[in-house]
Amino acid sequence: MPFTDRRELVRRYVKGTVIDIGIKDGYVWDYLTPDNVVGVDLDPWRHVNFIQADGRLLPVRDKCFDTAVITEVLKHLDWDDRIKLLDEAVRVTRKVIIISVPDPDPRNMRCTPDTE
């Protein structure tokens, strides 16, 4: 389901304990990571709950998060590494996995439904 506003996505679907794989600066959270979110990234960041790790090999137990968020990460990986990262997300998540990928087509960046 496409969204144009990350805040709506977070409000509607991000529930319970959350792992944000590739959190970077916390853009999805308006740069203020909530207490229920554990951020994972290769680079060190100053988030409240943060693990410096590779998303393709997460150092966490199976099914220990309700939701996984993966935003704008897959574009940086080749096909095999994408599969590894998604397999890890499935392994550590109990309920919902949210994936965001860039869409360069400006027709898909509308904030209102197409009425043509």
Protein backbone atom coordinates (compact mmCIF):
# COMPACT_ATOMS: atom_id res chain seq x y z
CA MET A 1 0.00 0.00 0.00
CA PRO A 2 1.70 3.28 -1.07
CA PHE A 3 1.99 6.20 1.35
CA THR A 4 3.21 9.73 0.73
CA ASP A 5 3.47 10.71 4.40
CA ARG A 6 5.75 8.73 6.69
CA ARG A 7 3.92 10.02 9.78
CA GLU A 8 0.69 8.40 8.59
CA LEU A 9 2.53 5.14 7.97
CA VAL A 10 4.06 5.18 11.45
CA ARG A 11 0.78 6.14 13.14
CA ARG A 12 -1.24 3.42 11.43
CA TYR A 13 1.11 0.47 11.30
CA VAL A 14 4.02 0.79 13.70
CA LYS A 15 2.92 -0.86 16.94
CA GLY A 16 4.60 -2.51 19.90
CA THR A 17 8.32 -3.18 19.92
CA VAL A 18 10.06 -2.00 16.76
CA ILE A 19 13.38 -2.65 15.08
CA ASP A 20 14.41 -0.03 12.51
CA ILE A 21 16.97 -1.71 10.26
CA GLY A 22 19.14 0.97 8.69
CA ILE A 23 17.88 3.73 10.98
CA LYS A 24 20.69 6.15 10.13
CA ASP A 25 19.60 9.57 11.46
CA GLY A 26 16.05 8.54 12.40
CA TYR A 27 14.30 10.39 9.58
CA VAL A 28 11.21 8.16 9.80
CA TRP A 29 10.80 9.23 13.43
CA ASP A 30 11.36 12.94 12.74
CA TYR A 31 14.89 12.44 14.11
CA LEU A 32 13.56 11.60 17.62
CA THR A 33 13.49 7.85 18.03
CA PRO A 34 10.67 6.69 20.35
CA ASP A 35 11.51 4.51 23.37
CA ASN A 36 9.90 1.42 21.78
CA VAL A 37 12.25 1.56 18.75
CA VAL A 38 15.64 -0.15 18.54
CA GLY A 39 17.72 1.27 15.72
CA VAL A 40 20.25 -0.81 13.80
CA ASP A 41 22.83 0.62 11.44
CA LEU A 42 26.38 -0.08 10.27
CA ASP A 43 27.44 3.44 11.22
CA PRO A 44 27.29 4.62 14.84
CA TRP A 45 24.41 6.99 15.62
CA ARG A 46 23.26 8.59 18.85
CA HIS A 47 19.86 7.04 19.33
CA VAL A 48 18.46 6.05 22.71
CA ASN A 49 18.25 2.35 21.80
CA PHE A 50 20.87 1.55 19.18
CA ILE A 51 22.81 -1.49 17.97
CA GLN A 52 25.72 -1.02 15.59
CA ALA A 53 25.33 -4.06 13.36
CA ASP A 54 24.78 -5.32 9.84
CA GLY A 55 21.10 -5.85 9.00
CA ARG A 56 22.03 -9.02 7.13
CA LEU A 57 23.10 -10.64 10.41
CA LEU A 58 21.12 -9.16 13.29
CA PRO A 59 22.43 -9.92 16.80
CA VAL A 60 18.95 -10.40 18.30
CA ARG A 61 16.72 -13.36 19.16
CA ASP A 62 14.06 -14.76 16.83
CA LYS A 63 10.63 -13.04 16.88
CA CYS A 64 11.60 -10.48 19.53
CA PHE A 65 10.02 -7.45 17.77
CA ASP A 66 6.42 -6.77 16.79
CA THR A 67 7.34 -4.55 13.84
CA ALA A 68 10.36 -4.09 11.58
CA VAL A 69 10.91 -0.91 9.59
CA ILE A 70 13.26 -0.89 6.60
CA THR A 71 13.33 2.49 4.85
CA GLU A 72 15.47 3.37 1.86
CA VAL A 73 17.96 0.56 2.62
CA LEU A 74 17.39 -2.04 -0.08
CA LYS A 75 18.52 0.33 -2.84
CA HIS A 76 22.04 0.12 -1.42
CA LEU A 77 22.26 -3.69 -1.59
CA ASP A 78 22.68 -6.20 -4.36
CA TRP A 79 20.01 -8.87 -4.86
CA ASP A 80 21.58 -11.55 -2.61
CA ASP A 81 22.14 -9.09 0.24
CA ARG A 82 18.56 -7.83 -0.05
CA ILE A 83 17.36 -11.40 0.44
CA LYS A 84 19.62 -11.82 3.49
CA LEU A 85 18.36 -8.60 5.07
CA LEU A 86 14.71 -9.49 4.42
CA ASP A 87 15.25 -13.00 5.79
CA GLU A 88 16.66 -11.46 8.97
CA ALA A 89 13.69 -9.09 9.25
CA VAL A 90 11.32 -12.04 8.98
CA ARG A 91 13.33 -13.96 11.56
CA VAL A 92 13.23 -11.22 14.22
CA THR A 93 9.70 -9.90 13.61
CA ARG A 94 6.42 -11.31 14.92
CA LYS A 95 3.80 -9.22 13.09
CA VAL A 96 4.50 -6.47 10.55
CA ILE A 97 7.41 -5.58 8.27
CA ILE A 98 7.29 -2.15 6.66
CA ILE A 99 9.55 -1.55 3.65
CA SER A 100 10.08 1.74 1.88
CA VAL A 101 11.93 2.09 -1.41
CA PRO A 102 12.47 5.27 -3.43
CA ASP A 103 10.20 5.92 -6.38
CA PRO A 104 11.78 8.34 -8.84
CA ASP A 105 8.56 8.80 -10.82
CA PRO A 106 7.16 12.22 -9.84
CA ARG A 107 3.62 11.08 -10.74
CA ASN A 108 3.73 8.86 -7.67
CA MET A 109 4.59 11.70 -5.32
CA ARG A 110 1.11 13.19 -5.23
CA CYS A 111 -0.50 13.98 -1.92
CA THR A 112 -4.01 13.72 -3.33
CA PRO A 113 -5.66 10.97 -5.38
CA ASP A 114 -5.43 11.22 -9.14
CA THR A 115 -8.73 12.65 -10.36
CA GLU A 116 -8.08 12.48 -14.08
